[in-house]
C-alpha atoms as a PDB file:
ATOM      1  CA  MET A   1     135.143 -32.286 186.845  1.00  0.00           C
ATOM      2  CA  THR A   2     138.516 -34.031 186.942  1.00  0.00           C
ATOM      3  CA  ALA A   3     138.915 -35.126 183.311  1.00  0.00           C
ATOM      4  CA  ALA A   4     140.397 -31.806 182.184  1.00  0.00           C
ATOM      5  CA  THR A   5     143.610 -32.072 184.204  1.00  0.00           C
ATOM      6  CA  ASP A   6     146.229 -34.629 185.175  1.00  0.00           C
ATOM      7  CA  ALA A   7     147.240 -32.644 188.252  1.00  0.00           C
ATOM      8  CA  PRO A   8     146.142 -33.818 191.701  1.00  0.00           C
ATOM      9  CA  VAL A   9     143.068 -32.063 193.081  1.00  0.00           C
ATOM     10  CA  VAL A  10     141.947 -31.896 196.723  1.00  0.00           C
ATOM     11  CA  VAL A  11     138.403 -30.716 197.442  1.00  0.00           C
ATOM     12  CA  ASP A  12     136.925 -30.052 200.872  1.00  0.00           C
ATOM     13  CA  GLY A  13     133.163 -30.068 201.308  1.00  0.00           C
ATOM     14  CA  MET A  14     132.314 -31.783 198.025  1.00  0.00           C
ATOM     15  CA  PRO A  15     128.793 -33.305 198.205  1.00  0.00           C
ATOM     16  CA  ALA A  16     128.921 -37.089 198.305  1.00  0.00           C
ATOM     17  CA  ASP A  17     126.646 -37.494 195.277  1.00  0.00           C
ATOM     18  CA  LYS A  18     128.920 -35.252 193.184  1.00  0.00           C
ATOM     19  CA  TYR A  19     131.979 -37.207 194.292  1.00  0.00           C
ATOM     20  CA  HIS A  20     130.416 -40.565 193.425  1.00  0.00           C
ATOM     21  CA  ALA A  21     129.191 -39.271 190.060  1.00  0.00           C
ATOM     22  CA  ASP A  22     132.721 -38.330 188.967  1.00  0.00           C
ATOM     23  CA  ASP A  23     134.027 -40.366 186.017  1.00  0.00           C
ATOM     24  CA  SER A  24     137.342 -41.231 187.715  1.00  0.00           C
ATOM     25  CA  LEU A  25     138.047 -44.712 189.131  1.00  0.00           C
ATOM     26  CA  SER A  26     137.457 -45.317 192.835  1.00  0.00           C
ATOM     27  CA  SER A  27     138.810 -48.044 195.087  1.00  0.00           C
ATOM     28  CA  THR A  28     135.387 -49.702 195.085  1.00  0.00           C
ATOM     29  CA  GLY A  29     135.320 -49.609 191.295  1.00  0.00           C
ATOM     30  CA  ALA A  30     138.809 -51.091 191.047  1.00  0.00           C
ATOM     31  CA  ARG A  31     137.744 -53.992 193.260  1.00  0.00           C
ATOM     32  CA  LYS A  32     134.689 -54.643 191.074  1.00  0.00           C
ATOM     33  CA  LEU A  33     136.904 -55.029 188.006  1.00  0.00           C
ATOM     34  CA  LEU A  34     138.633 -58.073 189.503  1.00  0.00           C
ATOM     35  CA  PRO A  35     137.170 -61.541 190.281  1.00  0.00           C
ATOM     36  CA  PRO A  36     134.594 -62.317 191.481  1.00  0.00           C
ATOM     37  CA  GLY A  37     133.572 -59.164 189.585  1.00  0.00           C
ATOM     38  CA  CYS A  38     134.385 -58.344 185.981  1.00  0.00           C
ATOM     39  CA  PRO A  39     134.523 -55.291 183.691  1.00  0.00           C
ATOM     40  CA  ALA A  40     131.008 -55.888 182.355  1.00  0.00           C
ATOM     41  CA  GLN A  41     129.511 -55.854 185.854  1.00  0.00           C
ATOM     42  CA  TYR A  42     131.566 -52.805 186.829  1.00  0.00           C
ATOM     43  CA  ARG A  43     130.356 -50.879 183.783  1.00  0.00           C
ATOM     44  CA  TYR A  44     126.718 -51.813 184.395  1.00  0.00           C
ATOM     45  CA  ASP A  45     126.878 -50.821 188.055  1.00  0.00           C
ATOM     46  CA  ARG A  46     128.536 -47.514 187.142  1.00  0.00           C
ATOM     47  CA  ASP A  47     125.863 -46.704 184.595  1.00  0.00           C
ATOM     48  CA  HIS A  48     122.981 -47.880 186.824  1.00  0.00           C
ATOM     49  CA  PRO A  49     123.616 -46.608 190.384  1.00  0.00           C
ATOM     50  CA  GLN A  50     121.513 -48.313 193.008  1.00  0.00           C
ATOM     51  CA  PRO A  51     119.129 -46.457 195.337  1.00  0.00           C
ATOM     52  CA  PRO A  52     120.032 -46.233 199.050  1.00  0.00           C
ATOM     53  CA  LYS A  53     119.724 -49.497 200.955  1.00  0.00           C
ATOM     54  CA  LYS A  54     118.304 -49.763 204.458  1.00  0.00           C
ATOM     55  CA  GLU A  55     121.292 -51.813 205.671  1.00  0.00           C
ATOM     56  CA  PHE A  56     123.597 -48.859 204.963  1.00  0.00           C
ATOM     57  CA  ASP A  57     121.611 -46.462 207.163  1.00  0.00           C
ATOM     58  CA  TYR A  58     123.395 -47.421 210.383  1.00  0.00           C
ATOM     59  CA  GLY A  59     126.780 -46.914 208.787  1.00  0.00           C
ATOM     60  CA  HIS A  60     125.831 -43.520 207.321  1.00  0.00           C
ATOM     61  CA  ALA A  61     124.304 -42.406 210.616  1.00  0.00           C
ATOM     62  CA  ALA A  62     127.296 -43.588 212.653  1.00  0.00           C
ATOM     63  CA  HIS A  63     129.631 -41.728 210.292  1.00  0.00           C
ATOM     64  CA  LYS A  64     127.546 -38.601 210.794  1.00  0.00           C
ATOM     65  CA  LEU A  65     127.805 -38.727 214.582  1.00  0.00           C
ATOM     66  CA  VAL A  66     131.445 -39.846 214.733  1.00  0.00           C
ATOM     67  CA  LEU A  67     132.859 -37.679 211.930  1.00  0.00           C
ATOM     68  CA  ASN A  68     130.310 -34.850 212.089  1.00  0.00           C
ATOM     69  CA  ASP A  69     129.953 -35.054 208.326  1.00  0.00           C
ATOM     70  CA  GLY A  70     127.529 -36.595 205.882  1.00  0.00           C
ATOM     71  CA  PRO A  71     123.795 -36.521 205.202  1.00  0.00           C
ATOM     72  CA  GLN A  72     121.429 -35.141 207.800  1.00  0.00           C
ATOM     73  CA  LEU A  73     119.576 -37.618 209.996  1.00  0.00           C
ATOM     74  CA  ALA A  74     115.795 -37.691 210.202  1.00  0.00           C
ATOM     75  CA  VAL A  75     114.769 -39.174 213.557  1.00  0.00           C
ATOM     76  CA  LEU A  76     111.223 -40.543 213.320  1.00  0.00           C
ATOM     77  CA  ASP A  77     109.201 -41.017 216.502  1.00  0.00           C
ATOM     78  CA  TYR A  78     107.922 -44.473 215.616  1.00  0.00           C
ATOM     79  CA  SER A  79     108.882 -47.933 216.809  1.00  0.00           C
ATOM     80  CA  THR A  80     108.384 -49.569 213.390  1.00  0.00           C
ATOM     81  CA  TYR A  81     107.591 -48.686 209.788  1.00  0.00           C
ATOM     82  CA  LEU A  82     104.368 -50.682 209.782  1.00  0.00           C
ATOM     83  CA  GLY A  83     102.123 -47.618 209.879  1.00  0.00           C
ATOM     84  CA  ARG A  84     101.379 -45.444 206.846  1.00  0.00           C
ATOM     85  CA  ASN A  85     102.587 -42.244 208.526  1.00  0.00           C
ATOM     86  CA  ALA A  86     105.942 -43.815 209.409  1.00  0.00           C
ATOM     87  CA  LYS A  87     106.422 -45.044 205.842  1.00  0.00           C
ATOM     88  CA  ASP A  88     105.483 -41.667 204.386  1.00  0.00           C
ATOM     89  CA  GLU A  89     107.888 -39.772 206.656  1.00  0.00           C
ATOM     90  CA  ARG A  90     110.649 -42.270 205.877  1.00  0.00           C
ATOM     91  CA  ASP A  91     110.118 -41.837 202.124  1.00  0.00           C
ATOM     92  CA  GLU A  92     109.997 -38.042 202.449  1.00  0.00           C
ATOM     93  CA  ALA A  93     113.282 -38.065 204.366  1.00  0.00           C
ATOM     94  CA  ARG A  94     114.990 -40.192 201.716  1.00  0.00           C
ATOM     95  CA  ALA A  95     113.637 -37.959 198.944  1.00  0.00           C
ATOM     96  CA  ALA A  96     115.193 -34.983 200.750  1.00  0.00           C
ATOM     97  CA  GLY A  97     118.593 -36.723 200.871  1.00  0.00           C
ATOM     98  CA  MET A  98     118.367 -37.510 204.583  1.00  0.00           C
ATOM     99  CA  VAL A  99     118.953 -40.792 206.424  1.00  0.00           C
ATOM    100  CA  PRO A 100     115.743 -41.887 208.192  1.00  0.00           C
ATOM    101  CA  LEU A 101     116.054 -43.607 211.552  1.00  0.00           C
ATOM    102  CA  LEU A 102     113.453 -44.818 214.003  1.00  0.00           C
ATOM    103  CA  ARG A 103     113.891 -43.411 217.490  1.00  0.00           C
ATOM    104  CA  HIS A 104     115.429 -46.616 218.890  1.00  0.00           C
ATOM    105  CA  GLU A 105     117.773 -46.844 215.889  1.00  0.00           C
ATOM    106  CA  TYR A 106     119.022 -43.319 216.505  1.00  0.00           C
ATOM    107  CA  GLU A 107     119.601 -44.100 220.185  1.00  0.00           C
ATOM    108  CA  GLN A 108     121.623 -47.135 219.125  1.00  0.00           C
ATOM    109  CA  VAL A 109     123.797 -45.038 216.808  1.00  0.00           C
ATOM    110  CA  GLU A 110     124.297 -42.480 219.571  1.00  0.00           C
ATOM    111  CA  ALA A 111     125.512 -45.286 221.833  1.00  0.00           C
ATOM    112  CA  MET A 112     127.919 -46.415 219.106  1.00  0.00           C
ATOM    113  CA  ALA A 113     129.347 -42.908 218.784  1.00  0.00           C
ATOM    114  CA  GLU A 114     129.745 -42.667 222.543  1.00  0.00           C
ATOM    115  CA  ALA A 115     131.613 -45.984 222.578  1.00  0.00           C
ATOM    116  CA  ILE A 116     133.981 -44.567 219.961  1.00  0.00           C
ATOM    117  CA  ARG A 117     134.555 -41.453 222.069  1.00  0.00           C
ATOM    118  CA  GLN A 118     135.350 -43.563 225.146  1.00  0.00           C
ATOM    119  CA  HIS A 119     137.699 -45.961 223.365  1.00  0.00           C
ATOM    120  CA  PRO A 120     141.367 -45.429 224.338  1.00  0.00           C
ATOM    121  CA  ILE A 121     142.608 -45.544 220.712  1.00  0.00           C
ATOM    122  CA  ALA A 122     139.611 -44.704 218.509  1.00  0.00           C
ATOM    123  CA  GLY A 123     138.536 -41.802 220.726  1.00  0.00           C
ATOM    124  CA  PRO A 124     141.734 -39.753 220.275  1.00  0.00           C
ATOM    125  CA  LEU A 125     141.901 -40.687 216.577  1.00  0.00           C
ATOM    126  CA  PHE A 126     138.473 -39.144 215.940  1.00  0.00           C
ATOM    127  CA  LYS A 127     138.750 -36.276 218.422  1.00  0.00           C
ATOM    128  CA  PRO A 128     136.798 -33.319 216.959  1.00  0.00           C
ATOM    129  CA  GLY A 129     138.968 -30.626 215.456  1.00  0.00           C
ATOM    130  CA  THR A 130     141.995 -32.888 214.974  1.00  0.00           C
ATOM    131  CA  GLY A 131     141.202 -34.105 211.464  1.00  0.00           C
ATOM    132  CA  ILE A 132     139.343 -33.407 208.232  1.00  0.00           C
ATOM    133  CA  PRO A 133     136.338 -35.591 207.329  1.00  0.00           C
ATOM    134  CA  GLU A 134     135.420 -36.823 203.839  1.00  0.00           C
ATOM    135  CA  ARG A 135     138.110 -34.982 201.893  1.00  0.00           C
ATOM    136  CA  SER A 136     137.824 -35.717 198.158  1.00  0.00           C
ATOM    137  CA  ILE A 137     141.140 -36.474 196.466  1.00  0.00           C
ATOM    138  CA  PHE A 138     141.726 -36.901 192.715  1.00  0.00           C
ATOM    139  CA  TRP A 139     144.970 -37.894 190.992  1.00  0.00           C
ATOM    140  CA  THR A 140     146.287 -39.623 187.882  1.00  0.00           C
ATOM    141  CA  ASP A 141     147.990 -43.007 188.051  1.00  0.00           C
ATOM    142  CA  LYS A 142     151.370 -42.521 186.368  1.00  0.00           C
ATOM    143  CA  ALA A 143     151.673 -46.075 185.053  1.00  0.00           C
ATOM    144  CA  THR A 144     148.331 -46.173 183.220  1.00  0.00           C
ATOM    145  CA  GLY A 145     147.164 -42.575 182.920  1.00  0.00           C
ATOM    146  CA  VAL A 146     143.905 -43.529 184.679  1.00  0.00           C
ATOM    147  CA  ARG A 147     142.256 -40.753 186.682  1.00  0.00           C
ATOM    148  CA  CYS A 148     141.610 -41.986 190.244  1.00  0.00           C
ATOM    149  CA  ARG A 149     139.782 -40.771 193.302  1.00  0.00           C
ATOM    150  CA  CYS A 150     139.400 -41.509 197.017  1.00  0.00           C
ATOM    151  CA  ARG A 151     137.519 -39.959 199.910  1.00  0.00           C
ATOM    152  CA  PRO A 152     139.162 -40.714 203.283  1.00  0.00           C
ATOM    153  CA  ASP A 153     136.776 -40.831 206.227  1.00  0.00           C
ATOM    154  CA  TRP A 154     139.191 -38.891 208.433  1.00  0.00           C
ATOM    155  CA  LEU A 155     142.578 -37.327 207.676  1.00  0.00           C
ATOM    156  CA  LYS A 156     144.854 -36.262 210.527  1.00  0.00           C
ATOM    157  CA  GLN A 157     147.859 -34.317 209.304  1.00  0.00           C
ATOM    158  CA  LEU A 158     150.501 -34.467 212.025  1.00  0.00           C
ATOM    159  CA  PRO A 159     154.120 -33.253 211.910  1.00  0.00           C
ATOM    160  CA  GLY A 160     155.866 -35.707 209.578  1.00  0.00           C
ATOM    161  CA  LEU A 161     152.869 -38.042 209.391  1.00  0.00           C
ATOM    162  CA  THR A 162     149.404 -38.140 207.845  1.00  0.00           C
ATOM    163  CA  LEU A 163     146.931 -40.632 209.326  1.00  0.00           C
ATOM    164  CA  CYS A 164     144.111 -41.915 207.130  1.00  0.00           C
ATOM    165  CA  VAL A 165     141.492 -43.373 209.454  1.00  0.00           C
ATOM    166  CA  ASP A 166     138.726 -45.518 207.967  1.00  0.00           C
ATOM    167  CA  TYR A 167     135.613 -46.202 210.067  1.00  0.00           C
ATOM    168  CA  LYS A 168     133.498 -49.268 209.336  1.00  0.00           C
ATOM    169  CA  THR A 169     130.454 -50.627 211.143  1.00  0.00           C
ATOM    170  CA  THR A 170     129.929 -54.378 211.099  1.00  0.00           C
ATOM    171  CA  THR A 171     127.967 -57.222 212.652  1.00  0.00           C
ATOM    172  CA  ASP A 172     131.128 -58.716 214.158  1.00  0.00           C
ATOM    173  CA  ALA A 173     134.177 -56.626 215.077  1.00  0.00           C
ATOM    174  CA  SER A 174     136.299 -59.473 216.445  1.00  0.00           C
ATOM    175  CA  PRO A 175     139.810 -59.610 214.954  1.00  0.00           C
ATOM    176  CA  ALA A 176     139.059 -62.958 213.278  1.00  0.00           C
ATOM    177  CA  ALA A 177     135.922 -61.554 211.639  1.00  0.00           C
ATOM    178  CA  VAL A 178     137.756 -58.362 210.655  1.00  0.00           C
ATOM    179  CA  SER A 179     140.461 -60.409 208.938  1.00  0.00           C
ATOM    180  CA  LYS A 180     137.809 -62.278 206.926  1.00  0.00           C
ATOM    181  CA  ALA A 181     136.062 -59.017 206.017  1.00  0.00           C
ATOM    182  CA  ILE A 182     139.331 -57.549 204.749  1.00  0.00           C
ATOM    183  CA  GLU A 183     139.685 -60.481 202.350  1.00  0.00           C
ATOM    184  CA  LYS A 184     135.999 -60.650 201.388  1.00  0.00           C
ATOM    185  CA  TYR A 185     135.552 -56.954 200.622  1.00  0.00           C
ATOM    186  CA  GLY A 186     139.055 -56.204 199.368  1.00  0.00           C
ATOM    187  CA  TYR A 187     139.942 -53.751 202.106  1.00  0.00           C
ATOM    188  CA  HIS A 188     143.604 -54.657 201.596  1.00  0.00           C
ATOM    189  CA  GLN A 189     143.191 -52.872 198.240  1.00  0.00           C
ATOM    190  CA  GLN A 190     141.546 -49.848 199.831  1.00  0.00           C
ATOM    191  CA  ASP A 191     144.545 -49.184 202.101  1.00  0.00           C
ATOM    192  CA  PRO A 192     147.192 -48.781 199.338  1.00  0.00           C
ATOM    193  CA  TRP A 193     144.710 -47.063 197.005  1.00  0.00           C
ATOM    194  CA  TYR A 194     144.026 -44.335 199.545  1.00  0.00           C
ATOM    195  CA  THR A 195     147.650 -44.181 200.649  1.00  0.00           C
ATOM    196  CA  ASP A 196     148.868 -43.725 197.065  1.00  0.00           C
ATOM    197  CA  GLY A 197     146.258 -41.028 196.457  1.00  0.00           C
ATOM    198  CA  ILE A 198     147.281 -39.132 199.583  1.00  0.00           C
ATOM    199  CA  TYR A 199     150.943 -39.291 198.589  1.00  0.00           C
ATOM    200  CA  ALA A 200     150.113 -38.079 195.066  1.00  0.00           C
ATOM    201  CA  ALA A 201     147.881 -35.176 196.118  1.00  0.00           C
ATOM    202  CA  LEU A 202     149.251 -34.029 199.476  1.00  0.00           C
ATOM    203  CA  ASP A 203     152.931 -35.110 199.282  1.00  0.00           C
ATOM    204  CA  PRO A 204     153.228 -35.942 203.004  1.00  0.00           C
ATOM    205  CA  ALA A 205     156.421 -37.230 204.593  1.00  0.00           C
ATOM    206  CA  ASP A 206     154.670 -40.449 205.634  1.00  0.00           C
ATOM    207  CA  VAL A 207     151.171 -41.978 205.533  1.00  0.00           C
ATOM    208  CA  ARG A 208     149.612 -44.625 207.754  1.00  0.00           C
ATOM    209  CA  PHE A 209     146.201 -46.150 207.087  1.00  0.00           C
ATOM    210  CA  VAL A 210     144.208 -47.241 210.147  1.00  0.00           C
ATOM    211  CA  PHE A 211     141.008 -49.311 210.176  1.00  0.00           C
ATOM    212  CA  VAL A 212     138.449 -48.780 212.939  1.00  0.00           C
ATOM    213  CA  PHE A 213     135.816 -51.546 212.949  1.00  0.00           C
ATOM    214  CA  GLN A 214     132.820 -51.277 215.298  1.00  0.00           C
ATOM    215  CA  ALA A 215     130.083 -53.793 216.041  1.00  0.00           C
ATOM    216  CA  LYS A 216     126.496 -52.574 215.582  1.00  0.00           C
ATOM    217  CA  THR A 217     125.249 -54.468 218.634  1.00  0.00           C
ATOM    218  CA  PRO A 218     125.870 -53.753 222.361  1.00  0.00           C
ATOM    219  CA  PRO A 219     128.368 -53.173 223.833  1.00  0.00           C
ATOM    220  CA  TYR A 220     129.492 -51.825 220.405  1.00  0.00           C
ATOM    221  CA  LEU A 221     132.984 -53.282 220.626  1.00  0.00           C
ATOM    222  CA  ILE A 222     135.772 -51.759 218.562  1.00  0.00           C
ATOM    223  CA  THR A 223     138.833 -53.201 216.834  1.00  0.00           C
ATOM    224  CA  VAL A 224     141.549 -50.826 215.588  1.00  0.00           C
ATOM    225  CA  ARG A 225     144.103 -52.339 213.220  1.00  0.00           C
ATOM    226  CA  GLU A 226     146.722 -51.591 210.551  1.00  0.00           C
ATOM    227  CA  LEU A 227     147.409 -54.021 207.718  1.00  0.00           C
ATOM    228  CA  ASP A 228     150.623 -56.011 207.705  1.00  0.00           C
ATOM    229  CA  GLN A 229     153.002 -55.230 204.845  1.00  0.00           C
ATOM    230  CA  GLN A 230     152.374 -58.426 202.868  1.00  0.00           C
ATOM    231  CA  SER A 231     148.617 -57.807 202.781  1.00  0.00           C
ATOM    232  CA  ARG A 232     149.251 -54.230 201.694  1.00  0.00           C
ATOM    233  CA  ASP A 233     151.630 -55.384 198.938  1.00  0.00           C
ATOM    234  CA  ILE A 234     149.039 -57.846 197.642  1.00  0.00           C
ATOM    235  CA  GLY A 235     146.405 -55.123 197.643  1.00  0.00           C
ATOM    236  CA  ARG A 236     148.637 -52.728 195.723  1.00  0.00           C
ATOM    237  CA  ALA A 237     149.406 -55.435 193.136  1.00  0.00           C
ATOM    238  CA  LYS A 238     145.677 -56.094 192.698  1.00  0.00           C
ATOM    239  CA  ASN A 239     145.091 -52.371 192.269  1.00  0.00           C
ATOM    240  CA  GLY A 240     147.739 -52.312 189.568  1.00  0.00           C
ATOM    241  CA  ARG A 241     145.992 -55.070 187.669  1.00  0.00           C
ATOM    242  CA  ALA A 242     142.612 -53.349 188.026  1.00  0.00           C
ATOM    243  CA  LEU A 243     144.081 -50.102 186.704  1.00  0.00           C
ATOM    244  CA  ARG A 244     145.516 -51.888 183.662  1.00  0.00           C
ATOM    245  CA  ILE A 245     142.172 -53.583 182.978  1.00  0.00           C
ATOM    246  CA  TYR A 246     140.356 -50.264 183.271  1.00  0.00           C
ATOM    247  CA  ALA A 247     142.813 -48.542 180.929  1.00  0.00           C
ATOM    248  CA  GLU A 248     142.501 -51.347 178.348  1.00  0.00           C
ATOM    249  CA  CYS A 249     138.700 -51.427 178.514  1.00  0.00           C
ATOM    250  CA  THR A 250     138.481 -47.656 178.213  1.00  0.00           C
ATOM    251  CA  ALA A 251     140.818 -47.571 175.228  1.00  0.00           C
ATOM    252  CA  ALA A 252     139.023 -50.402 173.417  1.00  0.00           C
ATOM    253  CA  GLY A 253     135.506 -49.383 174.441  1.00  0.00           C
ATOM    254  CA  LEU A 254     134.884 -53.008 175.426  1.00  0.00           C
ATOM    255  CA  TRP A 255     133.896 -54.232 178.881  1.00  0.00           C
ATOM    256  CA  PRO A 256     133.994 -58.064 178.833  1.00  0.00           C
ATOM    257  CA  ASP A 257     132.578 -60.536 181.307  1.00  0.00           C
ATOM    258  CA  TRP A 258     134.706 -63.150 183.112  1.00  0.00           C
ATOM    259  CA  THR A 259     135.348 -65.142 179.927  1.00  0.00           C
ATOM    260  CA  GLY A 260     136.029 -62.464 177.339  1.00  0.00           C
ATOM    261  CA  PRO A 261     136.088 -63.173 173.601  1.00  0.00           C
ATOM    262  CA  VAL A 262     136.832 -66.879 173.023  1.00  0.00           C
ATOM    263  CA  THR A 263     136.338 -69.329 170.164  1.00  0.00           C
ATOM    264  CA  GLU A 264     136.144 -72.480 172.320  1.00  0.00           C
ATOM    265  CA  ILE A 265     134.283 -73.291 175.509  1.00  0.00           C
ATOM    266  CA  PRO A 266     136.737 -73.124 178.440  1.00  0.00           C
ATOM    267  CA  THR A 267     137.012 -75.865 181.030  1.00  0.00           C
ATOM    268  CA  ILE A 268     136.276 -75.301 184.716  1.00  0.00           C
ATOM    269  CA  SER A 269     137.576 -77.144 187.767  1.00  0.00           C
ATOM    270  CA  LEU A 270     136.554 -77.901 191.288  1.00  0.00           C
ATOM    271  CA  PRO A 271     137.946 -75.509 193.899  1.00  0.00           C
ATOM    272  CA  THR A 272     141.525 -76.524 194.691  1.00  0.00           C
ATOM    273  CA  TRP A 273     140.719 -77.664 198.209  1.00  0.00           C
ATOM    274  CA  ALA A 274     137.796 -79.798 197.010  1.00  0.00           C
ATOM    275  CA  ALA A 275     139.810 -81.329 194.147  1.00  0.00           C
ATOM    276  CA  ILE A 276     142.586 -82.381 196.533  1.00  0.00           C
ATOM    277  CA  ARG A 277     140.186 -83.836 199.095  1.00  0.00           C
ATOM    278  CA  GLU A 278     138.026 -85.728 196.619  1.00  0.00           C
ATOM    279  CA  ALA A 279     140.946 -86.941 194.496  1.00  0.00           C
ATOM    280  CA  GLU A 280     142.484 -88.499 197.598  1.00  0.00           C
ATOM    281  CA  GLU A 281     139.209 -90.238 198.430  1.00  0.00           C
ATOM    282  CA  TYR A 282     137.934 -91.335 195.037  1.00  0.00           C
ATOM    283  CA  LEU A 283     140.796 -91.548 192.537  1.00  0.00           C
ATOM    284  CA  PRO A 284     143.173 -94.531 192.552  1.00  0.00           C
END
């Protein structure tokens, strides 16, 4: 859809499967191009999309109730999936593009959404009618010519400011755990990727990216944070490298693994921290 133009495109109401099938580069894709990923793994994953995973159901369902957008929920009146009827209804719901939830799972997600509504910061951020959910944005990176895309969970366009609010469910929403998750999953790349896309497509006066992390266990605690500038700068630099890799791979038609074409076997070292510790203990 987007390959025919370099101009930014903003689409409301685009089905999620159509968005994800687009041949532009997403933030998730850019992260997969860099270590511990590599171009070969990115290309395979792009060409072989995985079926829905059970562990994502809570997140999809919570997004539906908090943002009022996304796949329909199928609430099944069973306590487990051990019975044949429960399994059949679950499979039928998935085949119809719905998210199946057992009754107690749905009640848990409802409680999560209520905790969001009652939170002094997250509640007003996600207040119904004050933002646009799942807006699909496409633009072209000027430095590389790579077509990019993003799909903000929630966009609030205020006078002089656009807020991009990203909602994530997690097993641990403590600030320490959130900080580790940002590093592990590359969320410090997601922030500048989305921010740059919003600037390119919507030309706002200012953009702020806000993370809302919520625990999936009672009392469904919530941490709302913005990245510090250094973390954001690192993320933008990593995005720049990923974009260059993508442009080079696309031009050459080659998607190498971590090593790339070599004529000699490379060396490998201990992790830096282990090398320092063990050198101090064992080397004279």
